[in-house]
C-alpha atoms as a PDB file:
ATOM      1  CA  MET A   1      45.746 -45.690 102.748  1.00  0.00           C
ATOM      2  CA  SER A   2      43.196 -43.488 104.481  1.00  0.00           C
ATOM      3  CA  ASP A   3      40.144 -44.810 102.585  1.00  0.00           C
ATOM      4  CA  ARG A   4      37.829 -47.222 104.341  1.00  0.00           C
ATOM      5  CA  ALA A   5      38.988 -50.219 102.232  1.00  0.00           C
ATOM      6  CA  GLY A   6      42.591 -49.476 103.148  1.00  0.00           C
ATOM      7  CA  LEU A   7      41.674 -49.166 106.814  1.00  0.00           C
ATOM      8  CA  ARG A   8      39.798 -52.440 106.596  1.00  0.00           C
ATOM      9  CA  VAL A   9      43.009 -54.126 105.307  1.00  0.00           C
ATOM     10  CA  LEU A  10      44.850 -52.760 108.355  1.00  0.00           C
ATOM     11  CA  ALA A  11      42.083 -53.933 110.725  1.00  0.00           C
ATOM     12  CA  HIS A  12      42.313 -57.465 109.253  1.00  0.00           C
ATOM     13  CA  ALA A  13      46.046 -57.389 109.663  1.00  0.00           C
ATOM     14  CA  VAL A  14      45.676 -56.507 113.337  1.00  0.00           C
ATOM     15  CA  LEU A  15      43.264 -59.425 113.821  1.00  0.00           C
ATOM     16  CA  HIS A  16      45.648 -61.726 111.978  1.00  0.00           C
ATOM     17  CA  ASP A  17      48.696 -60.606 114.021  1.00  0.00           C
ATOM     18  CA  GLU A  18      46.933 -60.523 117.356  1.00  0.00           C
ATOM     19  CA  LEU A  19      44.536 -63.445 117.115  1.00  0.00           C
ATOM     20  CA  GLY A  20      45.943 -65.612 114.353  1.00  0.00           C
ATOM     21  CA  ALA A  21      42.737 -64.948 112.337  1.00  0.00           C
ATOM     22  CA  THR A  22      42.725 -66.943 109.128  1.00  0.00           C
ATOM     23  CA  ALA A  23      39.665 -65.131 107.860  1.00  0.00           C
ATOM     24  CA  VAL A  24      37.611 -62.026 108.744  1.00  0.00           C
ATOM     25  CA  GLY A  25      34.048 -61.553 107.542  1.00  0.00           C
ATOM     26  CA  ARG A  26      30.798 -59.763 108.249  1.00  0.00           C
ATOM     27  CA  LEU A  27      27.358 -61.225 108.896  1.00  0.00           C
ATOM     28  CA  CYS A  28      24.064 -59.279 109.172  1.00  0.00           C
ATOM     29  CA  PRO A  29      21.829 -60.966 111.766  1.00  0.00           C
ATOM     30  CA  ARG A  30      18.695 -59.663 110.043  1.00  0.00           C
ATOM     31  CA  CYS A  31      19.250 -60.507 106.390  1.00  0.00           C
ATOM     32  CA  GLY A  32      22.232 -62.871 106.516  1.00  0.00           C
ATOM     33  CA  GLY A  33      24.205 -60.608 104.104  1.00  0.00           C
ATOM     34  CA  ALA A  34      27.976 -60.535 104.127  1.00  0.00           C
ATOM     35  CA  GLU A  35      28.373 -56.940 102.859  1.00  0.00           C
ATOM     36  CA  HIS A  36      27.372 -55.394 106.228  1.00  0.00           C
ATOM     37  CA  GLY A  37      26.721 -56.483 109.839  1.00  0.00           C
ATOM     38  CA  ARG A  38      28.787 -57.611 112.781  1.00  0.00           C
ATOM     39  CA  PRO A  39      32.409 -58.572 111.976  1.00  0.00           C
ATOM     40  CA  TYR A  40      33.619 -62.073 112.910  1.00  0.00           C
ATOM     41  CA  VAL A  41      36.933 -63.951 112.715  1.00  0.00           C
ATOM     42  CA  VAL A  42      37.879 -67.503 111.961  1.00  0.00           C
ATOM     43  CA  THR A  43      40.885 -68.863 113.808  1.00  0.00           C
ATOM     44  CA  ALA A  44      42.851 -72.055 113.312  1.00  0.00           C
ATOM     45  CA  GLY A  45      41.903 -73.526 116.705  1.00  0.00           C
ATOM     46  CA  GLY A  46      39.664 -72.991 119.657  1.00  0.00           C
ATOM     47  CA  VAL A  47      36.713 -70.689 119.961  1.00  0.00           C
ATOM     48  CA  ALA A  48      37.172 -67.445 118.058  1.00  0.00           C
ATOM     49  CA  PRO A  49      36.688 -64.283 120.103  1.00  0.00           C
ATOM     50  CA  GLN A  50      34.045 -61.668 119.384  1.00  0.00           C
ATOM     51  CA  VAL A  51      35.300 -58.641 117.474  1.00  0.00           C
ATOM     52  CA  SER A  52      34.206 -55.074 116.836  1.00  0.00           C
ATOM     53  CA  LEU A  53      35.560 -52.516 114.398  1.00  0.00           C
ATOM     54  CA  SER A  54      35.128 -48.756 113.997  1.00  0.00           C
ATOM     55  CA  TYR A  55      36.388 -46.282 111.385  1.00  0.00           C
ATOM     56  CA  ALA A  56      36.932 -42.499 111.459  1.00  0.00           C
ATOM     57  CA  ALA A  57      38.951 -40.586 108.870  1.00  0.00           C
ATOM     58  CA  ASP A  58      42.511 -41.966 109.062  1.00  0.00           C
ATOM     59  CA  LEU A  59      41.934 -44.324 111.975  1.00  0.00           C
ATOM     60  CA  VAL A  60      40.467 -47.750 112.601  1.00  0.00           C
ATOM     61  CA  ALA A  61      39.819 -49.251 116.038  1.00  0.00           C
ATOM     62  CA  VAL A  62      39.801 -53.018 116.528  1.00  0.00           C
ATOM     63  CA  ALA A  63      38.545 -54.739 119.682  1.00  0.00           C
ATOM     64  CA  TRP A  64      38.212 -58.387 120.689  1.00  0.00           C
ATOM     65  CA  GLY A  65      37.257 -60.451 123.714  1.00  0.00           C
ATOM     66  CA  ALA A  66      35.243 -63.374 124.973  1.00  0.00           C
ATOM     67  CA  GLY A  67      31.977 -61.648 125.804  1.00  0.00           C
ATOM     68  CA  PRO A  68      29.740 -58.937 124.398  1.00  0.00           C
ATOM     69  CA  LEU A  69      31.797 -55.942 123.270  1.00  0.00           C
ATOM     70  CA  GLY A  70      31.775 -52.931 121.026  1.00  0.00           C
ATOM     71  CA  ILE A  71      34.192 -50.206 120.069  1.00  0.00           C
ATOM     72  CA  ASP A  72      33.573 -46.813 118.456  1.00  0.00           C
ATOM     73  CA  ILE A  73      35.757 -43.895 117.365  1.00  0.00           C
ATOM     74  CA  GLU A  74      34.606 -40.574 116.020  1.00  0.00           C
ATOM     75  CA  ASP A  75      36.161 -37.431 114.625  1.00  0.00           C
ATOM     76  CA  ALA A  76      36.215 -34.886 117.442  1.00  0.00           C
ATOM     77  CA  GLY A  77      33.995 -31.874 116.804  1.00  0.00           C
ATOM     78  CA  PRO A  78      31.023 -29.950 117.913  1.00  0.00           C
ATOM     79  CA  PRO A  79      28.050 -31.690 119.515  1.00  0.00           C
ATOM     80  CA  VAL A  80      25.593 -33.401 117.243  1.00  0.00           C
ATOM     81  CA  ASP A  81      21.951 -32.519 118.006  1.00  0.00           C
ATOM     82  CA  GLY A  82      23.160 -31.292 121.389  1.00  0.00           C
ATOM     83  CA  THR A  83      24.996 -34.466 122.300  1.00  0.00           C
ATOM     84  CA  ASP A  84      28.747 -34.492 122.935  1.00  0.00           C
ATOM     85  CA  ARG A  85      30.765 -36.619 120.471  1.00  0.00           C
ATOM     86  CA  LEU A  86      32.276 -38.736 123.245  1.00  0.00           C
ATOM     87  CA  GLU A  87      28.764 -39.538 124.543  1.00  0.00           C
ATOM     88  CA  LEU A  88      27.782 -40.515 120.976  1.00  0.00           C
ATOM     89  CA  SER A  89      30.805 -42.809 120.847  1.00  0.00           C
ATOM     90  CA  ARG A  90      29.899 -44.368 124.202  1.00  0.00           C
ATOM     91  CA  ARG A  91      26.350 -44.974 122.975  1.00  0.00           C
ATOM     92  CA  GLU A  92      27.551 -46.529 119.737  1.00  0.00           C
ATOM     93  CA  ALA A  93      29.982 -48.858 121.521  1.00  0.00           C
ATOM     94  CA  LEU A  94      27.229 -49.990 123.862  1.00  0.00           C
ATOM     95  CA  LEU A  95      24.897 -50.488 120.956  1.00  0.00           C
ATOM     96  CA  LYS A  96      27.503 -52.651 119.200  1.00  0.00           C
ATOM     97  CA  ALA A  97      27.923 -54.731 122.366  1.00  0.00           C
ATOM     98  CA  GLY A  98      24.234 -55.459 122.450  1.00  0.00           C
ATOM     99  CA  ALA A  99      24.343 -55.905 126.225  1.00  0.00           C
ATOM    100  CA  ASP A 100      24.476 -53.954 129.390  1.00  0.00           C
ATOM    101  CA  VAL A 101      28.225 -53.906 129.913  1.00  0.00           C
ATOM    102  CA  PRO A 102      30.689 -51.241 131.212  1.00  0.00           C
ATOM    103  CA  VAL A 103      31.656 -48.494 128.770  1.00  0.00           C
ATOM    104  CA  VAL A 104      34.837 -46.462 129.106  1.00  0.00           C
ATOM    105  CA  ALA A 105      36.592 -43.784 127.039  1.00  0.00           C
ATOM    106  CA  ILE A 106      39.739 -44.918 125.275  1.00  0.00           C
ATOM    107  CA  THR A 107      42.955 -43.014 124.602  1.00  0.00           C
ATOM    108  CA  VAL A 108      42.994 -41.991 120.907  1.00  0.00           C
ATOM    109  CA  PRO A 109      45.027 -39.443 118.891  1.00  0.00           C
ATOM    110  CA  GLU A 110      44.192 -35.767 119.055  1.00  0.00           C
ATOM    111  CA  GLY A 111      41.218 -35.000 116.872  1.00  0.00           C
ATOM    112  CA  TYR A 112      39.291 -38.135 117.778  1.00  0.00           C
ATOM    113  CA  VAL A 113      37.199 -39.493 120.592  1.00  0.00           C
ATOM    114  CA  GLY A 114      36.466 -43.085 121.361  1.00  0.00           C
ATOM    115  CA  ALA A 115      34.873 -45.608 123.701  1.00  0.00           C
ATOM    116  CA  VAL A 116      34.946 -49.363 124.304  1.00  0.00           C
ATOM    117  CA  ALA A 117      32.141 -51.414 125.867  1.00  0.00           C
ATOM    118  CA  GLY A 118      32.587 -54.795 127.509  1.00  0.00           C
ATOM    119  CA  THR A 119      34.681 -56.570 130.136  1.00  0.00           C
ATOM    120  CA  GLU A 120      38.204 -57.900 129.455  1.00  0.00           C
ATOM    121  CA  VAL A 121      38.313 -56.269 126.045  1.00  0.00           C
ATOM    122  CA  THR A 122      41.571 -55.852 124.205  1.00  0.00           C
ATOM    123  CA  TRP A 123      41.811 -53.153 121.529  1.00  0.00           C
ATOM    124  CA  ARG A 124      44.275 -51.638 119.097  1.00  0.00           C
ATOM    125  CA  LEU A 125      44.346 -48.648 116.738  1.00  0.00           C
ATOM    126  CA  ALA A 126      45.724 -48.686 113.205  1.00  0.00           C
ATOM    127  CA  GLY A 127      45.975 -46.240 110.300  1.00  0.00           C
ATOM    128  CA  PRO A 128      47.898 -43.069 109.547  1.00  0.00           C
ATOM    129  CA  ALA A 129      46.401 -41.143 112.523  1.00  0.00           C
ATOM    130  CA  ALA A 130      47.508 -43.953 114.904  1.00  0.00           C
ATOM    131  CA  LEU A 131      51.112 -43.218 114.101  1.00  0.00           C
ATOM    132  CA  VAL A 132      50.879 -39.558 115.101  1.00  0.00           C
ATOM    133  CA  ARG A 133      51.798 -38.967 118.746  1.00  0.00           C
END
């Protein structure tokens, strides 16, 4: 289950288990399409938290919280256009948050780098690589 569709199933399971999500969808703020865009959850009661997802090879990162947030994971490797992969991950997490919020590196399995942006953000990893310690 290392393909993106399989990882998406695992991400949805995390959101169901952790938040009681009854549905997970995507919504593009520009075109209104459901095939891409920011993920969202529907919960049985109360205000649903904001969520962010990121995929890399055999790993998916899932983050949630009350305010602006973003998470990003990348395969570790050489710099891209002179930029360190962790820095790219930090930039992507901040871009996903869409706000000026703190960004920190997260602990991920060997062979990956990752960052999460926001305050009071909870996150989990899933997928075959998440099981390797």
